[in-house]
Amino acid sequence: MRQIVGDAMLAVLAAVALLAMLWGWTYSVPDLVRVSYGLPLNWGENTLETIAGPVDRWSVNLTYLAIDLVFWFAALIALDRYISIRR
């Protein structure tokens, strides 16, 4: 039973990590529409509209993307270690 709960916890954290990395939220004001990606750090932005008109500009910070990946993989590894110690 403990193994099933541990595996379920890992699956849930993996799903949360995937959603945190790929889920975008929209920032919209009258002269700017932007979609941001990444949690805890904002690693990507897609600018859709500016005051000058529609655009499709991507801005990706590879350092923040790498830090996000390290953060979520470290969380998965830490949870796996915690579960293996508890067994």
Protein backbone atom coordinates (compact mmCIF):
# COMPACT_ATOMS: atom_id res chain seq x y z
CA MET A 1 0.00 0.00 0.00
CA ARG A 2 2.83 2.39 0.85
CA GLN A 3 4.43 1.80 -2.53
CA ILE A 4 1.21 2.70 -4.34
CA VAL A 5 0.85 5.92 -2.32
CA GLY A 6 4.49 6.81 -2.95
CA ASP A 7 4.18 6.20 -6.68
CA ALA A 8 0.97 8.24 -6.77
CA MET A 9 2.73 11.12 -4.99
CA LEU A 10 5.55 11.03 -7.55
CA ALA A 11 3.05 10.99 -10.42
CA VAL A 12 1.18 13.96 -8.98
CA LEU A 13 4.39 15.97 -8.48
CA ALA A 14 5.52 15.11 -12.02
CA ALA A 15 2.16 16.35 -13.38
CA VAL A 16 2.42 19.54 -11.32
CA ALA A 17 5.96 20.10 -12.58
CA LEU A 18 4.87 19.64 -16.18
CA LEU A 19 1.95 22.02 -15.77
CA ALA A 20 4.13 24.58 -14.00
CA MET A 21 6.61 24.54 -16.86
CA LEU A 22 4.11 24.64 -19.73
CA TRP A 23 1.04 26.46 -18.44
CA GLY A 24 0.78 30.01 -19.74
CA TRP A 25 -1.02 32.90 -18.12
CA THR A 26 -2.14 36.01 -19.95
CA TYR A 27 -1.25 39.54 -18.97
CA SER A 28 -3.54 41.93 -20.78
CA VAL A 29 -3.74 45.71 -20.62
CA PRO A 30 -5.23 47.97 -23.32
CA ASP A 31 -1.96 48.34 -25.25
CA LEU A 32 -0.26 45.00 -24.53
CA VAL A 33 -1.18 41.30 -24.54
CA ARG A 34 1.46 38.90 -23.27
CA VAL A 35 1.48 35.19 -22.38
CA SER A 36 4.09 34.14 -19.80
CA TYR A 37 5.39 30.63 -19.15
CA GLY A 38 7.28 29.06 -16.25
CA LEU A 39 6.97 28.67 -12.52
CA PRO A 40 8.73 29.58 -10.17
CA LEU A 41 10.72 31.65 -12.69
CA ASN A 42 9.22 33.20 -15.81
CA TRP A 43 11.37 31.63 -18.53
CA GLY A 44 9.30 32.52 -21.61
CA GLU A 45 7.09 35.32 -22.87
CA ASN A 46 5.02 35.48 -26.03
CA THR A 47 4.01 39.04 -26.90
CA LEU A 48 0.83 38.93 -28.99
CA GLU A 49 -0.19 42.58 -29.32
CA THR A 50 1.37 45.97 -28.66
CA ILE A 51 0.15 49.51 -29.11
CA ALA A 52 1.58 49.40 -32.65
CA GLY A 53 -0.52 46.37 -33.62
CA PRO A 54 -0.40 42.59 -33.61
CA VAL A 55 2.97 40.90 -33.23
CA ASP A 56 4.19 37.40 -32.47
CA ARG A 57 7.43 37.85 -30.55
CA TRP A 58 8.94 35.20 -28.29
CA SER A 59 11.41 35.99 -25.55
CA VAL A 60 13.05 32.97 -23.90
CA ASN A 61 15.49 33.16 -21.00
CA LEU A 62 17.47 29.91 -21.15
CA THR A 63 19.04 30.47 -17.74
CA TYR A 64 15.62 30.67 -16.07
CA LEU A 65 14.47 27.63 -18.04
CA ALA A 66 17.47 25.64 -16.80
CA ILE A 67 16.87 26.79 -13.21
CA ASP A 68 13.20 25.78 -13.47
CA LEU A 69 14.16 22.33 -14.77
CA VAL A 70 16.72 21.88 -11.99
CA PHE A 71 14.17 23.00 -9.38
CA TRP A 72 11.46 20.58 -10.51
CA PHE A 73 13.86 17.65 -11.01
CA ALA A 74 15.34 18.30 -7.56
CA ALA A 75 11.84 18.30 -6.08
CA LEU A 76 11.10 14.95 -7.76
CA ILE A 77 14.38 13.45 -6.58
CA ALA A 78 13.87 14.75 -3.03
CA LEU A 79 10.36 13.29 -2.91
CA ASP A 80 11.64 9.97 -4.25
CA ARG A 81 14.37 9.88 -1.58
CA TYR A 82 11.86 10.75 1.13
CA ILE A 83 9.51 7.98 -0.01
CA SER A 84 12.32 5.41 -0.19
CA ILE A 85 13.46 6.31 3.34
CA ARG A 86 9.92 5.96 4.69
CA ARG A 87 9.52 2.44 3.22
